[in-house]
Amino acid sequence: MDNKQWLIVRRIEDGLLKGRWKLFERLPSERHLADEFGVNRGTIRSALHALAGRGILEIKQGSGSVVSQLPNPKTGRNKPGHCIQAFRLFIPVLAEALAQSTPPSELSRLERILPIAGSAIRDGDIDAFIHEQVRFFVEFVQLSQNPWLVQSAVRVLPDTRLLAWLLRGTSFADCEPLFADMVRLVSALRYGDGNNARQVVLAYADTLETLLGAIP
């Protein structure tokens, strides 16, 4: 791989890790990428094939390149273990506080997500389940109604890239504990049980760490 091709591979990987292109999304055409990156189409084509060889892209004849999996975050600056550790340190404390201050009437947004997430698991739609998990925790931290707190909390939530990497190739049995903790968290919030809310979030983090440890 020459220097130009290597640079394009790194720039596409960086775009994927930053969420510019999402899982199962189609990349722009070779011509568009060549214009954007200032190289010829042959260099772009070689870079795309290199990424396809690693399973990151799927090249479909006549319809372009589709993101089939995200690059391994272990090779990036934000290591998954650090993300989970930050979540473990911050979110349980927030869960305990929210359980003691959130009226049950404010929980409807979380409750509406649960059946959608459950259906995604039963249908084997991991991508949809990942999306609903992210949406669930974003709605959860917004219960604080404190913009500064929400901004800080969102930064340590598991994002789509991390969850996609942890859950790729997993089964219903692997996803069910995460869904069960989402259900238990809503219940703890509804009954104002701060200690239980804190323990549920820690259990969720434990499951993420177990999934991380199972990845070669």
N, C-alpha and C. Protein backbone atom coordinates (compact mmCIF):
# COMPACT_ATOMS: atom_id res chain seq x y z
N MET A 1 0.85 -1.19 0.00
CA MET A 1 0.00 0.00 0.00
C MET A 1 0.89 1.25 0.00
N ASP A 2 0.70 2.12 -1.03
CA ASP A 2 1.54 3.31 -1.08
C ASP A 2 1.04 4.36 -0.11
N ASN A 3 1.82 5.45 0.03
CA ASN A 3 1.50 6.46 1.03
C ASN A 3 0.16 7.14 0.80
N LYS A 4 -0.16 7.43 -0.48
CA LYS A 4 -1.44 8.08 -0.76
C LYS A 4 -2.61 7.17 -0.40
N GLN A 5 -2.50 5.91 -0.79
CA GLN A 5 -3.58 4.97 -0.48
C GLN A 5 -3.74 4.81 1.03
N TRP A 6 -2.62 4.69 1.73
CA TRP A 6 -2.67 4.55 3.20
C TRP A 6 -3.36 5.76 3.83
N LEU A 7 -3.04 6.96 3.31
CA LEU A 7 -3.64 8.18 3.85
C LEU A 7 -5.15 8.19 3.63
N ILE A 8 -5.60 7.76 2.45
CA ILE A 8 -7.04 7.73 2.17
C ILE A 8 -7.73 6.72 3.08
N VAL A 9 -7.12 5.56 3.28
CA VAL A 9 -7.69 4.56 4.19
C VAL A 9 -7.86 5.15 5.58
N ARG A 10 -6.84 5.84 6.06
CA ARG A 10 -6.91 6.43 7.40
C ARG A 10 -7.99 7.52 7.47
N ARG A 11 -8.14 8.30 6.41
CA ARG A 11 -9.13 9.38 6.43
C ARG A 11 -10.55 8.81 6.39
N ILE A 12 -10.75 7.74 5.64
CA ILE A 12 -12.08 7.11 5.62
C ILE A 12 -12.37 6.46 6.97
N GLU A 13 -11.38 5.78 7.54
CA GLU A 13 -11.56 5.20 8.88
C GLU A 13 -11.90 6.28 9.90
N ASP A 14 -11.21 7.40 9.83
CA ASP A 14 -11.46 8.49 10.77
C ASP A 14 -12.89 9.01 10.60
N GLY A 15 -13.35 9.11 9.35
CA GLY A 15 -14.72 9.53 9.11
C GLY A 15 -15.73 8.56 9.69
N LEU A 16 -15.45 7.27 9.58
CA LEU A 16 -16.34 6.25 10.14
C LEU A 16 -16.38 6.34 11.66
N LEU A 17 -15.22 6.50 12.28
CA LEU A 17 -15.15 6.54 13.74
C LEU A 17 -15.80 7.81 14.29
N LYS A 18 -15.80 8.88 13.50
CA LYS A 18 -16.42 10.13 13.95
C LYS A 18 -17.90 10.21 13.59
N GLY A 19 -18.42 9.16 12.94
CA GLY A 19 -19.85 9.13 12.64
C GLY A 19 -20.25 9.81 11.36
N ARG A 20 -19.28 10.16 10.51
CA ARG A 20 -19.65 10.80 9.24
C ARG A 20 -20.46 9.83 8.38
N TRP A 21 -20.02 8.57 8.34
CA TRP A 21 -20.78 7.52 7.66
C TRP A 21 -21.11 6.45 8.69
N LYS A 22 -22.34 6.04 8.73
CA LYS A 22 -22.82 5.11 9.74
C LYS A 22 -22.89 3.69 9.20
N LEU A 23 -23.10 2.76 10.12
CA LEU A 23 -23.21 1.35 9.78
C LEU A 23 -24.31 1.15 8.74
N PHE A 24 -23.99 0.41 7.69
CA PHE A 24 -24.90 0.06 6.59
C PHE A 24 -25.19 1.24 5.66
N GLU A 25 -24.51 2.36 5.85
CA GLU A 25 -24.70 3.51 4.97
C GLU A 25 -23.78 3.39 3.75
N ARG A 26 -24.24 3.91 2.63
CA ARG A 26 -23.44 3.90 1.40
C ARG A 26 -22.48 5.09 1.38
N LEU A 27 -21.23 4.84 1.02
CA LEU A 27 -20.26 5.92 0.89
C LEU A 27 -20.51 6.70 -0.41
N PRO A 28 -20.01 7.93 -0.48
CA PRO A 28 -20.11 8.67 -1.74
C PRO A 28 -19.40 7.92 -2.87
N SER A 29 -19.65 8.34 -4.10
CA SER A 29 -19.04 7.69 -5.26
C SER A 29 -17.53 7.87 -5.27
N GLU A 30 -16.84 7.02 -6.03
CA GLU A 30 -15.40 7.15 -6.17
C GLU A 30 -15.03 8.54 -6.69
N ARG A 31 -15.79 9.04 -7.65
CA ARG A 31 -15.50 10.36 -8.22
C ARG A 31 -15.61 11.45 -7.15
N HIS A 32 -16.68 11.36 -6.32
CA HIS A 32 -16.87 12.35 -5.26
C HIS A 32 -15.73 12.29 -4.26
N LEU A 33 -15.33 11.10 -3.86
CA LEU A 33 -14.25 10.95 -2.88
C LEU A 33 -12.92 11.42 -3.47
N ALA A 34 -12.71 11.12 -4.73
CA ALA A 34 -11.47 11.56 -5.38
C ALA A 34 -11.37 13.08 -5.40
N ASP A 35 -12.49 13.74 -5.71
CA ASP A 35 -12.51 15.20 -5.70
C ASP A 35 -12.29 15.75 -4.30
N GLU A 36 -12.92 15.13 -3.32
CA GLU A 36 -12.81 15.62 -1.94
C GLU A 36 -11.39 15.47 -1.40
N PHE A 37 -10.77 14.31 -1.67
CA PHE A 37 -9.46 14.04 -1.09
C PHE A 37 -8.31 14.47 -2.01
N GLY A 38 -8.62 14.94 -3.21
CA GLY A 38 -7.58 15.45 -4.10
C GLY A 38 -6.65 14.39 -4.65
N VAL A 39 -7.19 13.19 -4.92
CA VAL A 39 -6.39 12.12 -5.52
C VAL A 39 -7.15 11.55 -6.72
N ASN A 40 -6.53 10.66 -7.47
CA ASN A 40 -7.22 10.08 -8.61
C ASN A 40 -8.13 8.93 -8.17
N ARG A 41 -9.02 8.54 -9.06
CA ARG A 41 -10.00 7.51 -8.73
C ARG A 41 -9.35 6.15 -8.48
N GLY A 42 -8.20 5.91 -9.13
CA GLY A 42 -7.50 4.65 -8.90
C GLY A 42 -7.04 4.50 -7.46
N THR A 43 -6.56 5.61 -6.87
CA THR A 43 -6.14 5.58 -5.46
C THR A 43 -7.34 5.33 -4.55
N ILE A 44 -8.45 6.01 -4.86
CA ILE A 44 -9.67 5.80 -4.06
C ILE A 44 -10.13 4.35 -4.16
N ARG A 45 -10.13 3.82 -5.39
CA ARG A 45 -10.59 2.44 -5.59
C ARG A 45 -9.72 1.46 -4.81
N SER A 46 -8.41 1.67 -4.84
CA SER A 46 -7.50 0.78 -4.10
C SER A 46 -7.74 0.86 -2.60
N ALA A 47 -7.98 2.09 -2.09
CA ALA A 47 -8.24 2.26 -0.65
C ALA A 47 -9.54 1.57 -0.26
N LEU A 48 -10.57 1.71 -1.09
CA LEU A 48 -11.86 1.09 -0.80
C LEU A 48 -11.73 -0.43 -0.78
N HIS A 49 -10.96 -0.96 -1.73
CA HIS A 49 -10.77 -2.42 -1.76
C HIS A 49 -9.96 -2.90 -0.56
N ALA A 50 -9.01 -2.07 -0.11
CA ALA A 50 -8.25 -2.43 1.10
C ALA A 50 -9.17 -2.51 2.31
N LEU A 51 -10.10 -1.56 2.42
CA LEU A 51 -11.06 -1.57 3.53
C LEU A 51 -12.04 -2.73 3.40
N ALA A 52 -12.41 -3.05 2.15
CA ALA A 52 -13.30 -4.19 1.93
C ALA A 52 -12.60 -5.49 2.34
N GLY A 53 -11.30 -5.57 2.08
CA GLY A 53 -10.56 -6.77 2.45
C GLY A 53 -10.51 -6.99 3.95
N ARG A 54 -10.68 -5.92 4.73
CA ARG A 54 -10.71 -6.04 6.19
C ARG A 54 -12.13 -6.17 6.72
N GLY A 55 -13.11 -6.22 5.82
CA GLY A 55 -14.49 -6.41 6.24
C GLY A 55 -15.20 -5.14 6.65
N ILE A 56 -14.54 -3.98 6.51
CA ILE A 56 -15.14 -2.71 6.92
C ILE A 56 -16.16 -2.24 5.89
N LEU A 57 -15.85 -2.46 4.61
CA LEU A 57 -16.76 -2.09 3.54
C LEU A 57 -17.18 -3.33 2.77
N GLU A 58 -18.35 -3.24 2.15
CA GLU A 58 -18.78 -4.24 1.19
C GLU A 58 -18.97 -3.51 -0.14
N ILE A 59 -18.24 -3.94 -1.15
CA ILE A 59 -18.32 -3.30 -2.46
C ILE A 59 -19.33 -4.06 -3.31
N LYS A 60 -20.38 -3.36 -3.71
CA LYS A 60 -21.45 -3.97 -4.51
C LYS A 60 -21.35 -3.46 -5.93
N GLN A 61 -21.21 -4.39 -6.86
CA GLN A 61 -21.05 -4.02 -8.26
C GLN A 61 -22.23 -3.16 -8.73
N GLY A 62 -21.91 -1.99 -9.23
CA GLY A 62 -22.94 -1.12 -9.77
C GLY A 62 -23.65 -0.25 -8.76
N SER A 63 -23.39 -0.46 -7.47
CA SER A 63 -24.09 0.36 -6.47
C SER A 63 -23.18 0.93 -5.40
N GLY A 64 -21.86 0.78 -5.53
CA GLY A 64 -20.93 1.45 -4.63
C GLY A 64 -20.52 0.65 -3.41
N SER A 65 -19.97 1.37 -2.43
CA SER A 65 -19.42 0.76 -1.21
C SER A 65 -20.33 1.05 -0.03
N VAL A 66 -20.62 0.01 0.74
CA VAL A 66 -21.50 0.12 1.90
C VAL A 66 -20.71 -0.24 3.15
N VAL A 67 -20.95 0.49 4.24
CA VAL A 67 -20.26 0.22 5.50
C VAL A 67 -20.84 -1.06 6.11
N SER A 68 -20.02 -2.10 6.22
CA SER A 68 -20.50 -3.37 6.77
C SER A 68 -20.10 -3.56 8.23
N GLN A 69 -19.04 -2.89 8.66
CA GLN A 69 -18.70 -2.85 10.08
C GLN A 69 -17.79 -1.66 10.31
N LEU A 70 -17.71 -1.22 11.55
CA LEU A 70 -16.90 -0.04 11.86
C LEU A 70 -15.48 -0.47 12.23
N PRO A 71 -14.50 0.40 12.01
CA PRO A 71 -13.12 0.07 12.39
C PRO A 71 -13.03 -0.23 13.88
N ASN A 72 -12.07 -1.03 14.22
CA ASN A 72 -11.84 -1.41 15.61
C ASN A 72 -11.44 -0.18 16.42
N PRO A 73 -12.26 0.22 17.42
CA PRO A 73 -11.89 1.40 18.21
C PRO A 73 -10.59 1.23 18.98
N LYS A 74 -10.12 0.01 19.18
CA LYS A 74 -8.87 -0.18 19.91
C LYS A 74 -7.70 0.50 19.20
N THR A 75 -7.86 0.69 17.89
CA THR A 75 -6.77 1.32 17.15
C THR A 75 -6.91 2.83 17.13
N GLY A 76 -7.99 3.36 17.68
CA GLY A 76 -8.22 4.80 17.68
C GLY A 76 -7.77 5.43 18.98
N ARG A 77 -8.03 6.72 19.08
CA ARG A 77 -7.58 7.44 20.28
C ARG A 77 -8.47 7.13 21.47
N ASN A 78 -9.77 6.89 21.22
CA ASN A 78 -10.69 6.65 22.32
C ASN A 78 -10.88 5.15 22.51
N LYS A 79 -10.16 4.58 23.42
CA LYS A 79 -10.22 3.14 23.62
C LYS A 79 -11.53 2.76 24.29
N PRO A 80 -12.13 1.63 23.87
CA PRO A 80 -13.44 1.26 24.41
C PRO A 80 -13.43 1.05 25.92
N GLY A 81 -12.33 0.51 26.45
CA GLY A 81 -12.25 0.32 27.89
C GLY A 81 -12.34 1.63 28.65
N HIS A 82 -11.73 2.67 28.10
CA HIS A 82 -11.78 4.00 28.73
C HIS A 82 -13.20 4.56 28.69
N CYS A 83 -13.90 4.34 27.56
CA CYS A 83 -15.28 4.81 27.44
C CYS A 83 -16.17 4.15 28.48
N ILE A 84 -16.03 2.84 28.63
CA ILE A 84 -16.87 2.11 29.59
C ILE A 84 -16.53 2.52 31.02
N GLN A 85 -15.25 2.74 31.28
CA GLN A 85 -14.85 3.17 32.63
C GLN A 85 -15.45 4.53 32.96
N ALA A 86 -15.44 5.46 32.00
CA ALA A 86 -16.03 6.78 32.23
C ALA A 86 -17.53 6.66 32.50
N PHE A 87 -18.19 5.82 31.73
CA PHE A 87 -19.62 5.56 31.94
C PHE A 87 -19.85 5.02 33.35
N ARG A 88 -19.02 4.07 33.77
CA ARG A 88 -19.17 3.44 35.08
C ARG A 88 -18.99 4.44 36.22
N LEU A 89 -18.11 5.41 36.05
CA LEU A 89 -17.83 6.36 37.12
C LEU A 89 -18.90 7.45 37.24
N PHE A 90 -19.48 7.84 36.11
CA PHE A 90 -20.36 9.01 36.10
C PHE A 90 -21.84 8.66 36.14
N ILE A 91 -22.27 7.73 35.29
CA ILE A 91 -23.71 7.50 35.09
C ILE A 91 -24.40 6.86 36.30
N PRO A 92 -23.78 5.93 37.04
CA PRO A 92 -24.47 5.40 38.23
C PRO A 92 -24.82 6.47 39.25
N VAL A 93 -23.94 7.43 39.44
CA VAL A 93 -24.20 8.53 40.38
C VAL A 93 -25.39 9.35 39.89
N LEU A 94 -25.41 9.61 38.59
CA LEU A 94 -26.53 10.36 38.00
C LEU A 94 -27.82 9.57 38.14
N ALA A 95 -27.77 8.26 37.91
CA ALA A 95 -28.97 7.42 38.03
C ALA A 95 -29.55 7.48 39.44
N GLU A 96 -28.68 7.43 40.43
CA GLU A 96 -29.14 7.50 41.82
C GLU A 96 -29.83 8.83 42.10
N ALA A 97 -29.24 9.91 41.60
CA ALA A 97 -29.82 11.24 41.83
C ALA A 97 -31.15 11.39 41.09
N LEU A 98 -31.21 10.90 39.85
CA LEU A 98 -32.44 11.05 39.08
C LEU A 98 -33.59 10.22 39.65
N ALA A 99 -33.26 9.07 40.22
CA ALA A 99 -34.30 8.24 40.83
C ALA A 99 -34.98 8.97 41.98
N GLN A 100 -34.24 9.82 42.65
CA GLN A 100 -34.77 10.53 43.81
C GLN A 100 -35.44 11.85 43.43
N SER A 101 -35.29 12.28 42.16
CA SER A 101 -35.81 13.60 41.81
C SER A 101 -36.75 13.61 40.60
N THR A 102 -36.88 12.48 39.90
CA THR A 102 -37.69 12.46 38.68
C THR A 102 -39.10 11.96 38.97
N PRO A 103 -40.12 12.75 38.71
CA PRO A 103 -41.49 12.28 38.90
C PRO A 103 -41.84 11.20 37.88
N PRO A 104 -42.63 10.21 38.25
CA PRO A 104 -42.99 9.13 37.32
C PRO A 104 -43.59 9.62 36.01
N SER A 105 -44.25 10.76 36.04
CA SER A 105 -44.87 11.29 34.83
C SER A 105 -43.86 11.67 33.75
N GLU A 106 -42.58 11.80 34.14
CA GLU A 106 -41.54 12.20 33.18
C GLU A 106 -40.90 11.00 32.48
N LEU A 107 -41.35 9.79 32.81
CA LEU A 107 -40.67 8.59 32.31
C LEU A 107 -41.26 8.03 31.02
N SER A 108 -42.27 8.69 30.49
CA SER A 108 -42.96 8.12 29.32
C SER A 108 -42.04 7.99 28.11
N ARG A 109 -41.10 8.91 27.94
CA ARG A 109 -40.21 8.84 26.78
C ARG A 109 -39.32 7.60 26.85
N LEU A 110 -38.87 7.26 28.07
CA LEU A 110 -38.09 6.04 28.23
C LEU A 110 -38.95 4.81 28.02
N GLU A 111 -40.15 4.83 28.55
CA GLU A 111 -41.04 3.67 28.46
C GLU A 111 -41.44 3.37 27.02
N ARG A 112 -41.54 4.39 26.19
CA ARG A 112 -41.90 4.16 24.79
C ARG A 112 -40.78 3.49 24.01
N ILE A 113 -39.54 3.64 24.46
CA ILE A 113 -38.41 3.04 23.76
C ILE A 113 -38.32 1.54 24.02
N LEU A 114 -38.74 1.10 25.20
CA LEU A 114 -38.53 -0.30 25.60
C LEU A 114 -39.16 -1.31 24.65
N PRO A 115 -40.43 -1.18 24.27
CA PRO A 115 -40.99 -2.19 23.35
C PRO A 115 -40.31 -2.20 21.98
N ILE A 116 -39.84 -1.05 21.54
CA ILE A 116 -39.14 -0.99 20.25
C ILE A 116 -37.81 -1.74 20.35
N ALA A 117 -37.10 -1.52 21.47
CA ALA A 117 -35.82 -2.21 21.68
C ALA A 117 -36.04 -3.71 21.82
N GLY A 118 -37.09 -4.10 22.54
CA GLY A 118 -37.38 -5.52 22.71
C GLY A 118 -37.72 -6.19 21.39
N SER A 119 -38.49 -5.52 20.55
CA SER A 119 -38.83 -6.07 19.23
C SER A 119 -37.59 -6.23 18.36
N ALA A 120 -36.67 -5.26 18.47
CA ALA A 120 -35.44 -5.34 17.68
C ALA A 120 -34.63 -6.59 18.05
N ILE A 121 -34.57 -6.90 19.34
CA ILE A 121 -33.85 -8.11 19.77
C ILE A 121 -34.53 -9.35 19.23
N ARG A 122 -35.86 -9.42 19.38
CA ARG A 122 -36.59 -10.61 18.93
C ARG A 122 -36.46 -10.81 17.42
N ASP A 123 -36.37 -9.70 16.69
CA ASP A 123 -36.24 -9.78 15.23
C ASP A 123 -34.80 -10.00 14.77
N GLY A 124 -33.88 -10.01 15.73
CA GLY A 124 -32.47 -10.17 15.38
C GLY A 124 -31.88 -8.96 14.69
N ASP A 125 -32.50 -7.79 14.90
CA ASP A 125 -32.03 -6.55 14.27
C ASP A 125 -31.11 -5.81 15.24
N ILE A 126 -29.84 -6.19 15.23
CA ILE A 126 -28.87 -5.62 16.17
C ILE A 126 -28.69 -4.13 15.94
N ASP A 127 -28.71 -3.72 14.68
CA ASP A 127 -28.52 -2.30 14.37
C ASP A 127 -29.63 -1.47 15.01
N ALA A 128 -30.87 -1.94 14.91
CA ALA A 128 -32.00 -1.21 15.52
C ALA A 128 -31.88 -1.22 17.05
N PHE A 129 -31.45 -2.33 17.62
CA PHE A 129 -31.31 -2.41 19.08
C PHE A 129 -30.24 -1.44 19.56
N ILE A 130 -29.14 -1.35 18.81
CA ILE A 130 -28.09 -0.39 19.15
C ILE A 130 -28.64 1.03 19.14
N HIS A 131 -29.38 1.35 18.11
CA HIS A 131 -29.96 2.69 17.98
C HIS A 131 -30.86 3.02 19.16
N GLU A 132 -31.68 2.05 19.58
CA GLU A 132 -32.61 2.29 20.68
C GLU A 132 -31.89 2.41 22.02
N GLN A 133 -30.79 1.68 22.18
CA GLN A 133 -29.99 1.84 23.41
C GLN A 133 -29.43 3.25 23.51
N VAL A 134 -28.86 3.72 22.42
CA VAL A 134 -28.30 5.08 22.42
C VAL A 134 -29.40 6.09 22.71
N ARG A 135 -30.55 5.94 22.06
CA ARG A 135 -31.66 6.86 22.27
C ARG A 135 -32.16 6.80 23.71
N PHE A 136 -32.21 5.61 24.29
CA PHE A 136 -32.67 5.42 25.66
C PHE A 136 -31.81 6.20 26.64
N PHE A 137 -30.49 6.07 26.52
CA PHE A 137 -29.62 6.73 27.50
C PHE A 137 -29.53 8.23 27.28
N VAL A 138 -29.67 8.67 26.04
CA VAL A 138 -29.73 10.12 25.82
C VAL A 138 -30.99 10.69 26.48
N GLU A 139 -32.12 10.02 26.30
CA GLU A 139 -33.36 10.47 26.96
C GLU A 139 -33.21 10.41 28.47
N PHE A 140 -32.52 9.39 28.94
CA PHE A 140 -32.32 9.22 30.39
C PHE A 140 -31.57 10.40 30.99
N VAL A 141 -30.45 10.79 30.39
CA VAL A 141 -29.68 11.89 30.98
C VAL A 141 -30.42 13.21 30.86
N GLN A 142 -31.29 13.34 29.87
CA GLN A 142 -32.05 14.57 29.71
C GLN A 142 -33.11 14.74 30.79
N LEU A 143 -33.38 13.70 31.55
CA LEU A 143 -34.30 13.82 32.67
C LEU A 143 -33.80 14.83 33.70
N SER A 144 -32.51 15.08 33.72
CA SER A 144 -31.95 16.03 34.69
C SER A 144 -32.40 17.46 34.41
N GLN A 145 -32.74 17.74 33.13
CA GLN A 145 -33.17 19.09 32.71
C GLN A 145 -32.13 20.16 33.04
N ASN A 146 -30.89 19.72 33.13
CA ASN A 146 -29.77 20.64 33.38
C ASN A 146 -28.85 20.58 32.18
N PRO A 147 -28.83 21.60 31.32
CA PRO A 147 -28.05 21.54 30.08
C PRO A 147 -26.58 21.23 30.29
N TRP A 148 -25.99 21.76 31.35
CA TRP A 148 -24.57 21.50 31.60
C TRP A 148 -24.35 20.04 31.98
N LEU A 149 -25.23 19.51 32.78
CA LEU A 149 -25.12 18.11 33.19
C LEU A 149 -25.36 17.18 32.01
N VAL A 150 -26.36 17.50 31.21
CA VAL A 150 -26.67 16.68 30.03
C VAL A 150 -25.48 16.65 29.08
N GLN A 151 -24.89 17.81 28.83
CA GLN A 151 -23.74 17.89 27.92
C GLN A 151 -22.59 17.02 28.41
N SER A 152 -22.34 17.04 29.72
CA SER A 152 -21.25 16.22 30.27
C SER A 152 -21.58 14.74 30.21
N ALA A 153 -22.83 14.39 30.55
CA ALA A 153 -23.22 12.98 30.61
C ALA A 153 -23.21 12.34 29.23
N VAL A 154 -23.69 13.05 28.22
CA VAL A 154 -23.75 12.49 26.88
C VAL A 154 -22.36 12.09 26.38
N ARG A 155 -21.35 12.80 26.81
CA ARG A 155 -19.98 12.52 26.36
C ARG A 155 -19.47 11.17 26.83
N VAL A 156 -20.05 10.61 27.90
CA VAL A 156 -19.55 9.33 28.40
C VAL A 156 -20.52 8.18 28.13
N LEU A 157 -21.60 8.44 27.42
CA LEU A 157 -22.54 7.36 27.09
C LEU A 157 -21.96 6.47 25.99
N PRO A 158 -22.24 5.16 26.03
CA PRO A 158 -21.85 4.31 24.90
C PRO A 158 -22.50 4.82 23.62
N ASP A 159 -21.71 5.01 22.57
CA ASP A 159 -22.27 5.51 21.33
C ASP A 159 -22.48 4.38 20.33
N THR A 160 -23.00 4.75 19.16
CA THR A 160 -23.32 3.74 18.15
C THR A 160 -22.09 2.97 17.72
N ARG A 161 -20.95 3.65 17.57
CA ARG A 161 -19.73 2.98 17.12
C ARG A 161 -19.28 1.92 18.12
N LEU A 162 -19.25 2.29 19.40
CA LEU A 162 -18.80 1.35 20.42
C LEU A 162 -19.74 0.16 20.51
N LEU A 163 -21.05 0.41 20.56
CA LEU A 163 -22.01 -0.68 20.70
C LEU A 163 -22.00 -1.59 19.48
N ALA A 164 -21.85 -1.02 18.29
CA ALA A 164 -21.80 -1.84 17.08
C ALA A 164 -20.59 -2.77 17.13
N TRP A 165 -19.47 -2.24 17.61
CA TRP A 165 -18.26 -3.07 17.70
C TRP A 165 -18.43 -4.18 18.74
N LEU A 166 -19.03 -3.85 19.89
CA LEU A 166 -19.20 -4.84 20.95
C LEU A 166 -20.22 -5.91 20.60
N LEU A 167 -21.26 -5.52 19.85
CA LEU A 167 -22.40 -6.42 19.65
C LEU A 167 -22.40 -7.13 18.29
N ARG A 168 -21.42 -6.85 17.45
CA ARG A 168 -21.45 -7.50 16.14
C ARG A 168 -21.33 -9.02 16.32
N GLY A 169 -22.20 -9.73 15.61
CA GLY A 169 -22.18 -11.19 15.67
C GLY A 169 -22.72 -11.78 16.95
N THR A 170 -23.36 -10.96 17.80
CA THR A 170 -23.89 -11.47 19.05
C THR A 170 -25.27 -12.09 18.85
N SER A 171 -25.73 -12.81 19.86
CA SER A 171 -27.02 -13.50 19.81
C SER A 171 -28.01 -12.80 20.73
N PHE A 172 -29.25 -13.30 20.74
CA PHE A 172 -30.27 -12.79 21.66
C PHE A 172 -29.78 -12.88 23.10
N ALA A 173 -29.12 -14.00 23.43
CA ALA A 173 -28.65 -14.19 24.80
C ALA A 173 -27.64 -13.13 25.21
N ASP A 174 -26.85 -12.63 24.26
CA ASP A 174 -25.86 -11.60 24.58
C ASP A 174 -26.53 -10.24 24.79
N CYS A 175 -27.61 -9.98 24.04
CA CYS A 175 -28.27 -8.67 24.10
C CYS A 175 -29.29 -8.57 25.23
N GLU A 176 -29.88 -9.70 25.60
CA GLU A 176 -30.97 -9.68 26.58
C GLU A 176 -30.60 -9.04 27.91
N PRO A 177 -29.38 -9.28 28.47
CA PRO A 177 -29.04 -8.61 29.74
C PRO A 177 -29.03 -7.09 29.63
N LEU A 178 -28.59 -6.56 28.49
CA LEU A 178 -28.58 -5.11 28.31
C LEU A 178 -30.01 -4.57 28.29
N PHE A 179 -30.88 -5.27 27.58
CA PHE A 179 -32.29 -4.86 27.53
C PHE A 179 -32.93 -4.98 28.91
N ALA A 180 -32.63 -6.06 29.63
CA ALA A 180 -33.19 -6.25 30.96
C ALA A 180 -32.78 -5.11 31.90
N ASP A 181 -31.56 -4.65 31.77
CA ASP A 181 -31.10 -3.53 32.62
C ASP A 181 -31.82 -2.24 32.26
N MET A 182 -32.13 -2.04 30.99
CA MET A 182 -32.90 -0.86 30.60
C MET A 182 -34.28 -0.89 31.26
N VAL A 183 -34.90 -2.06 31.24
CA VAL A 183 -36.23 -2.21 31.87
C VAL A 183 -36.13 -1.98 33.37
N ARG A 184 -35.12 -2.56 33.99
CA ARG A 184 -34.95 -2.41 35.44
C ARG A 184 -34.66 -0.97 35.84
N LEU A 185 -33.94 -0.25 34.98
CA LEU A 185 -33.63 1.14 35.29
C LEU A 185 -34.90 1.98 35.30
N VAL A 186 -35.78 1.77 34.33
CA VAL A 186 -37.04 2.50 34.30
C VAL A 186 -37.85 2.20 35.55
N SER A 187 -37.87 0.93 35.97
CA SER A 187 -38.61 0.54 37.17
C SER A 187 -38.04 1.22 38.41
N ALA A 188 -36.71 1.25 38.52
CA ALA A 188 -36.08 1.89 39.68
C ALA A 188 -36.39 3.38 39.71
N LEU A 189 -36.39 4.02 38.55
CA LEU A 189 -36.73 5.44 38.49
C LEU A 189 -38.18 5.67 38.89
N ARG A 190 -39.06 4.80 38.41
CA ARG A 190 -40.49 4.96 38.71
C ARG A 190 -40.76 4.86 40.21
N TYR A 191 -40.03 3.97 40.89
CA TYR A 191 -40.27 3.78 42.33
C TYR A 191 -39.32 4.59 43.20
N GLY A 192 -38.54 5.46 42.59
CA GLY A 192 -37.66 6.33 43.37
C GLY A 192 -36.58 5.59 44.12
N ASP A 193 -36.15 4.45 43.60
CA ASP A 193 -35.15 3.61 44.28
C ASP A 193 -33.76 3.95 43.76
N GLY A 194 -33.10 4.90 44.40
CA GLY A 194 -31.80 5.36 43.94
C GLY A 194 -30.73 4.30 43.97
N ASN A 195 -30.69 3.51 45.04
CA ASN A 195 -29.67 2.48 45.16
C ASN A 195 -29.81 1.44 44.05
N ASN A 196 -31.06 1.04 43.78
CA ASN A 196 -31.28 0.06 42.72
C ASN A 196 -30.92 0.64 41.36
N ALA A 197 -31.26 1.90 41.12
CA ALA A 197 -30.92 2.54 39.85
C ALA A 197 -29.41 2.53 39.64
N ARG A 198 -28.70 2.84 40.71
CA ARG A 198 -27.22 2.85 40.63
C ARG A 198 -26.70 1.45 40.31
N GLN A 199 -27.22 0.42 40.97
CA GLN A 199 -26.76 -0.95 40.76
C GLN A 199 -27.08 -1.45 39.35
N VAL A 200 -28.23 -1.04 38.83
CA VAL A 200 -28.61 -1.45 37.48
C VAL A 200 -27.64 -0.90 36.45
N VAL A 201 -27.27 0.38 36.59
CA VAL A 201 -26.34 0.98 35.63
C VAL A 201 -24.96 0.32 35.74
N LEU A 202 -24.55 -0.03 36.94
CA LEU A 202 -23.28 -0.75 37.11
C LEU A 202 -23.36 -2.13 36.44
N ALA A 203 -24.51 -2.80 36.55
CA ALA A 203 -24.68 -4.10 35.90
C ALA A 203 -24.60 -3.97 34.38
N TYR A 204 -25.17 -2.89 33.85
CA TYR A 204 -25.10 -2.63 32.41
C TYR A 204 -23.63 -2.47 31.99
N ALA A 205 -22.87 -1.69 32.78
CA ALA A 205 -21.45 -1.50 32.48
C ALA A 205 -20.70 -2.83 32.57
N ASP A 206 -21.06 -3.67 33.55
CA ASP A 206 -20.42 -5.00 33.67
C ASP A 206 -20.62 -5.82 32.41
N THR A 207 -21.84 -5.77 31.85
CA THR A 207 -22.12 -6.53 30.63
C THR A 207 -21.29 -6.01 29.46
N LEU A 208 -21.17 -4.70 29.34
CA LEU A 208 -20.33 -4.14 28.29
C LEU A 208 -18.88 -4.60 28.44
N GLU A 209 -18.39 -4.62 29.67
CA GLU A 209 -17.02 -5.05 29.89
C GLU A 209 -16.83 -6.53 29.59
N THR A 210 -17.86 -7.34 29.87
CA THR A 210 -17.81 -8.76 29.54
C THR A 210 -17.73 -8.94 28.02
N LEU A 211 -18.54 -8.19 27.30
CA LEU A 211 -18.51 -8.25 25.83
C LEU A 211 -17.16 -7.81 25.29
N LEU A 212 -16.61 -6.76 25.89
CA LEU A 212 -15.30 -6.27 25.48
C LEU A 212 -14.23 -7.34 25.70
N GLY A 213 -14.28 -8.02 26.85
CA GLY A 213 -13.30 -9.04 27.17
C GLY A 213 -13.37 -10.25 26.26
N ALA A 214 -14.54 -10.47 25.64
CA ALA A 214 -14.72 -11.64 24.76
C ALA A 214 -14.20 -11.39 23.35
N ILE A 215 -13.84 -10.13 23.04
CA ILE A 215 -13.38 -9.81 21.69
C ILE A 215 -11.87 -10.07 21.61
N PRO A 216 -11.44 -10.86 20.62
CA PRO A 216 -10.01 -11.17 20.51
C PRO A 216 -9.16 -9.93 20.32
